[in-house]
Protein backbone atom coordinates (compact mmCIF):
# COMPACT_ATOMS: atom_id res chain seq x y z
CA UNK A 1 -6.08 27.56 -5.70
CA UNK A 2 -8.57 27.02 -2.87
CA UNK A 3 -7.18 24.14 -0.82
CA UNK A 4 -9.61 24.40 2.09
CA UNK A 5 -11.40 21.23 0.97
CA UNK A 6 -8.38 19.41 -0.45
CA UNK A 7 -8.72 16.52 1.98
CA UNK A 8 -12.47 16.16 1.52
CA UNK A 9 -13.12 13.01 -0.51
CA UNK A 10 -16.90 13.24 -0.50
CA UNK A 11 -18.26 11.88 -3.77
CA UNK A 12 -15.03 10.10 -4.61
CA UNK A 13 -14.54 6.33 -4.79
CA UNK A 14 -11.55 4.45 -3.40
CA UNK A 15 -10.43 0.82 -3.76
CA UNK A 16 -8.03 -0.55 -1.14
CA UNK A 17 -6.67 -4.02 -1.84
CA UNK A 18 -5.98 -6.16 1.20
CA UNK A 19 -8.12 -3.64 3.05
CA UNK A 20 -9.73 -5.88 5.65
CA UNK A 21 -7.01 -5.72 8.31
CA UNK A 22 -3.84 -4.00 9.41
CA UNK A 23 -2.48 -1.22 7.24
CA UNK A 24 -5.15 -1.73 4.58
CA UNK A 25 -7.99 -1.43 7.07
CA UNK A 26 -6.48 1.73 8.55
CA UNK A 27 -6.24 3.20 5.04
CA UNK A 28 -9.85 2.31 4.31
CA UNK A 29 -10.97 3.95 7.58
CA UNK A 30 -8.99 7.10 6.77
CA UNK A 31 -10.71 7.51 3.41
CA UNK A 32 -14.12 6.74 4.92
CA UNK A 33 -13.54 9.42 7.57
CA UNK A 34 -12.63 11.85 4.78
CA UNK A 35 -15.99 11.20 3.09
CA UNK A 36 -15.03 8.71 0.37
CA UNK A 37 -16.94 5.64 -0.72
CA UNK A 38 -14.59 2.71 -0.16
CA UNK A 39 -14.32 -0.83 -1.48
CA UNK A 40 -11.95 -3.30 0.17
CA UNK A 41 -11.02 -6.78 -0.95
CA UNK A 42 -9.44 -9.89 0.44
CA UNK A 43 -9.51 -13.60 -0.15
CA UNK A 44 -11.74 -14.15 2.88
CA UNK A 45 -14.69 -12.15 4.19
CA UNK A 46 -13.86 -10.28 7.42
CA UNK A 47 -16.04 -10.47 10.52
CA UNK A 48 -16.80 -6.80 9.91
CA UNK A 49 -15.57 -4.43 7.18
CA UNK A 50 -13.59 -1.30 8.13
CA UNK A 51 -15.80 1.54 9.29
CA UNK A 52 -15.45 5.18 10.35
CA UNK A 53 -17.87 8.01 11.06
CA UNK A 54 -20.86 5.70 10.97
CA UNK A 55 -20.01 4.45 7.47
CA UNK A 56 -18.57 1.11 6.38
CA UNK A 57 -16.53 -0.06 3.43
CA UNK A 58 -18.02 -2.43 0.88
CA UNK A 59 -16.30 -5.79 0.54
CA UNK A 60 -15.65 -8.13 -2.35
CA UNK A 61 -13.67 -11.36 -2.24
CA UNK A 62 -10.90 -11.49 -4.83
CA UNK A 63 -7.58 -13.18 -5.53
CA UNK A 64 -5.83 -10.43 -7.46
CA UNK A 65 -3.11 -12.75 -8.73
CA UNK A 66 -5.75 -13.68 -11.30
CA UNK A 67 -5.98 -10.85 -13.87
CA UNK A 68 -9.65 -11.65 -14.52
CA UNK A 69 -10.42 -11.35 -10.80
CA UNK A 70 -8.59 -8.01 -10.65
CA UNK A 71 -10.59 -6.69 -13.61
CA UNK A 72 -13.85 -7.90 -12.07
CA UNK A 73 -13.05 -6.21 -8.76
CA UNK A 74 -12.36 -2.87 -10.44
CA UNK A 75 -15.49 -3.17 -12.58
CA UNK A 76 -17.60 -4.00 -9.52
CA UNK A 77 -16.20 -0.99 -7.64
CA UNK A 78 -16.88 1.40 -10.52
CA UNK A 79 -20.37 -0.02 -10.98
CA UNK A 80 -21.23 0.29 -7.29
CA UNK A 81 -19.96 3.85 -6.84
CA UNK A 82 -20.29 5.17 -10.39
CA UNK A 83 -16.58 5.96 -10.63
CA UNK A 84 -13.12 5.10 -9.30
CA UNK A 85 -10.81 7.88 -8.18
CA UNK A 86 -8.16 6.16 -6.08
CA UNK A 87 -6.57 2.72 -6.07
CA UNK A 88 -4.36 1.78 -3.13
CA UNK A 89 -2.41 -1.37 -4.01
CA UNK A 90 -1.82 -2.55 -0.46
CA UNK A 91 -2.17 -6.35 -0.64
CA UNK A 92 1.18 -8.12 -0.33
CA UNK A 93 3.63 -9.77 2.00
CA UNK A 94 5.62 -12.98 2.36
CA UNK A 95 7.03 -15.28 5.03
CA UNK A 96 10.80 -15.54 5.18
CA UNK A 97 12.40 -18.28 3.11
CA UNK A 98 15.92 -19.53 2.38
CA UNK A 99 16.77 -18.46 -1.16
CA UNK A 100 19.01 -21.51 -1.66
CA UNK A 101 16.23 -24.03 -1.06
CA UNK A 102 12.94 -22.21 -1.63
CA UNK A 103 10.65 -23.84 -4.17
CA UNK A 104 9.89 -22.31 -7.56
CA UNK A 105 6.19 -22.38 -6.64
CA UNK A 106 6.84 -20.24 -3.56
CA UNK A 107 8.76 -17.69 -5.62
CA UNK A 108 6.00 -17.56 -8.22
CA UNK A 109 3.35 -16.93 -5.56
CA UNK A 110 5.35 -14.17 -3.87
CA UNK A 111 6.05 -12.37 -7.14
CA UNK A 112 2.44 -12.80 -8.25
CA UNK A 113 1.06 -11.27 -5.05
CA UNK A 114 3.52 -8.41 -4.66
CA UNK A 115 4.15 -7.41 -8.28
CA UNK A 116 1.75 -8.97 -10.77
CA UNK A 117 -1.42 -8.40 -8.75
CA UNK A 118 -0.75 -4.65 -8.37
CA UNK A 119 0.01 -4.49 -12.10
CA UNK A 120 -3.23 -6.24 -13.07
CA UNK A 121 -5.33 -4.13 -10.69
CA UNK A 122 -3.72 -0.84 -11.73
CA UNK A 123 -4.21 -1.74 -15.39
CA UNK A 124 -7.93 -2.30 -14.84
CA UNK A 125 -8.24 0.86 -12.73
CA UNK A 126 -6.54 2.91 -15.43
CA UNK A 127 -9.21 1.81 -17.88
CA UNK A 128 -11.82 3.48 -15.67
CA UNK A 129 -9.82 6.51 -14.53
CA UNK A 130 -8.67 7.60 -17.97
CA UNK A 131 -12.31 8.13 -19.02
CA UNK A 132 -13.02 10.47 -16.09
CA UNK A 133 -12.56 14.21 -16.54
CA UNK A 134 -10.43 14.43 -13.40
CA UNK A 135 -8.56 11.17 -13.92
CA UNK A 136 -7.39 9.31 -10.85
CA UNK A 137 -4.58 8.29 -8.54
CA UNK A 138 -2.82 4.95 -8.03
CA UNK A 139 -0.79 4.44 -4.84
CA UNK A 140 1.47 1.41 -4.53
CA UNK A 141 2.44 0.31 -1.04
CA UNK A 142 6.05 -0.82 -1.18
CA UNK A 143 8.68 -1.86 1.34
CA UNK A 144 12.11 -0.92 2.59
CA UNK A 145 13.07 -4.39 1.35
CA UNK A 146 13.04 -2.97 -2.19
CA UNK A 147 15.98 -0.77 -1.19
CA UNK A 148 17.66 -2.78 1.57
CA UNK A 149 16.88 -6.52 1.39
CA UNK A 150 17.12 -8.60 4.55
CA UNK A 151 18.10 -12.29 4.76
CA UNK A 152 15.20 -14.56 3.91
CA UNK A 153 13.44 -12.04 1.67
CA UNK A 154 14.97 -12.61 -1.77
CA UNK A 155 11.73 -13.21 -3.68
CA UNK A 156 9.85 -10.55 -1.72
CA UNK A 157 12.59 -7.95 -2.10
CA UNK A 158 12.85 -8.60 -5.83
CA UNK A 159 9.08 -8.27 -6.24
CA UNK A 160 8.96 -5.05 -4.23
CA UNK A 161 11.86 -3.61 -6.22
CA UNK A 162 9.84 -4.47 -9.30
CA UNK A 163 6.82 -2.66 -7.85
CA UNK A 164 8.89 0.50 -7.48
CA UNK A 165 10.06 0.18 -11.08
CA UNK A 166 6.49 -0.44 -12.20
CA UNK A 167 5.36 2.71 -10.39
CA UNK A 168 7.86 4.85 -12.25
CA UNK A 169 7.04 3.27 -15.60
CA UNK A 170 3.27 3.71 -15.20
CA UNK A 171 3.75 7.28 -14.00
CA UNK A 172 5.47 8.04 -17.31
CA UNK A 173 2.88 6.28 -19.45
CA UNK A 174 -0.34 7.34 -17.73
CA UNK A 175 0.27 10.99 -16.93
CA UNK A 176 -1.33 13.45 -16.95
CA UNK A 177 -4.69 11.70 -16.59
CA UNK A 178 -3.63 9.21 -13.91
CA UNK A 179 -0.94 9.84 -11.31
CA UNK A 180 1.00 6.84 -9.96
CA UNK A 181 3.09 7.01 -6.79
CA UNK A 182 4.85 4.68 -4.37
CA UNK A 183 5.23 4.61 -0.59
CA UNK A 184 8.25 2.88 0.91
CA UNK A 185 7.05 1.48 4.22
CA UNK A 186 9.15 0.13 7.07
CA UNK A 187 7.96 -2.11 9.88
CA UNK A 188 4.41 -1.17 10.85
CA UNK A 189 2.84 -2.08 14.18
CA UNK A 190 0.12 -4.49 13.07
CA UNK A 191 -1.04 -7.88 14.34
CA UNK A 192 0.46 -9.55 11.28
CA UNK A 193 3.90 -8.08 11.98
CA UNK A 194 3.83 -8.72 15.74
CA UNK A 195 6.09 -11.79 15.41
CA UNK A 196 8.85 -9.50 14.12
CA UNK A 197 8.82 -7.24 17.17
CA UNK A 198 10.56 -9.60 19.57
CA UNK A 199 9.77 -10.21 23.23
CA UNK A 200 10.10 -6.52 24.11
CA UNK A 201 7.08 -5.41 22.03
CA UNK A 202 9.28 -3.74 19.49
CA UNK A 203 11.50 -1.66 21.77
CA UNK A 204 14.75 -2.97 20.29
CA UNK A 205 13.50 -2.46 16.73
CA UNK A 206 12.28 1.05 17.54
CA UNK A 207 15.71 1.80 18.96
CA UNK A 208 17.34 1.60 15.54
CA UNK A 209 14.77 3.90 13.89
CA UNK A 210 15.77 7.59 14.00
CA UNK A 211 12.27 8.66 15.10
CA UNK A 212 12.43 6.16 17.93
CA UNK A 213 9.26 4.19 17.25
CA UNK A 214 7.64 1.78 14.85
CA UNK A 215 5.15 3.14 12.35
CA UNK A 216 1.48 3.03 13.23
CA UNK A 217 -0.92 2.09 10.42
CA UNK A 218 -2.36 5.61 10.48
CA UNK A 219 1.06 7.07 9.64
CA UNK A 220 0.87 5.38 6.26
CA UNK A 221 -2.88 5.88 5.84
CA UNK A 222 -2.53 9.65 6.19
CA UNK A 223 0.20 9.62 3.57
CA UNK A 224 -2.18 7.85 1.20
CA UNK A 225 -4.75 10.60 1.79
CA UNK A 226 -2.19 13.24 0.89
CA UNK A 227 -1.01 11.45 -2.25
CA UNK A 228 -4.61 11.02 -3.42
CA UNK A 229 -5.56 14.62 -2.71
CA UNK A 230 -5.19 17.81 -4.72
CA UNK A 231 -2.42 18.84 -2.30
CA UNK A 232 -0.12 16.49 -4.24
CA UNK A 233 -1.45 17.27 -7.71
CA UNK A 234 2.07 17.70 -9.12
CA UNK A 235 3.47 14.57 -7.46
CA UNK A 236 3.83 11.71 -9.94
CA UNK A 237 6.27 8.80 -10.06
CA UNK A 238 7.44 9.60 -6.53
CA UNK A 239 8.83 7.19 -3.97
CA UNK A 240 7.80 8.63 -0.61
CA UNK A 241 9.61 7.08 2.36
CA UNK A 242 7.43 6.55 5.43
CA UNK A 243 9.83 4.64 7.64
CA UNK A 244 10.86 7.05 10.38
CA UNK A 245 14.20 7.73 8.72
CA UNK A 246 15.02 4.10 7.97
CA UNK A 247 17.42 2.18 10.16
CA UNK A 248 20.43 3.73 11.85
CA UNK A 249 23.52 2.04 10.34
CA UNK A 250 25.00 -0.70 12.54
CA UNK A 251 28.28 1.18 13.08
CA UNK A 252 26.40 4.11 14.59
CA UNK A 253 24.28 1.84 16.79
CA UNK A 254 27.42 0.20 18.15
CA UNK A 255 29.06 3.57 18.76
CA UNK A 256 25.96 4.96 20.47
CA UNK A 257 25.65 1.93 22.73
CA UNK A 258 29.30 2.18 23.73
CA UNK A 259 28.99 5.78 24.94
């Protein structure tokens, strides 16, 4: 197999949800730089859409918790570009909340954004991709919280665990035409996550990551490129960890600091 152009996405169309800032914007820029046509969405129009190499992403406002809005976004992307090759389900997140007192409405919103919205969008994307001769690729952006929940993240962790389960289920049902994979992401250095760094700009957090630093958005964006490319053509239903090795267990941190 000739893999010399495996990372060239010229002529291919990509939809990145939540692609107007942070990790989503970095992912959109990576695909633009690789030659793809890119659509991003958000609930509010950005001052400027992501751009790279003199090209900019298209933008469409959408609240993907509404299945009709998700279907309309996918249809608009396919109509604009004539196809849809890659869906990156990136939109998500949640503020911390006390599980003992959090409102049912809060829980519903968190689950809708982090689990139902990716389901609705992937379902619509599958309807387009399955009709294409070369199918397509769905990439779900997950979280370490799906594997190791932290205090204050009960609804979010449950939703993200559901997203991982959804990935594996769709990978079984939609292969071989459409591949579905998952990326487990740790703390990424974005403006949105800055409040989690602490007063030392993340030095303490980086100190408990084996690679010794927080992830940059491009670390995850490049992984999306690989999962969407022919280089990963036999990768389906995978959970790819992009978290620098996770967190060093507390007992080892204590031992290291005592030496």
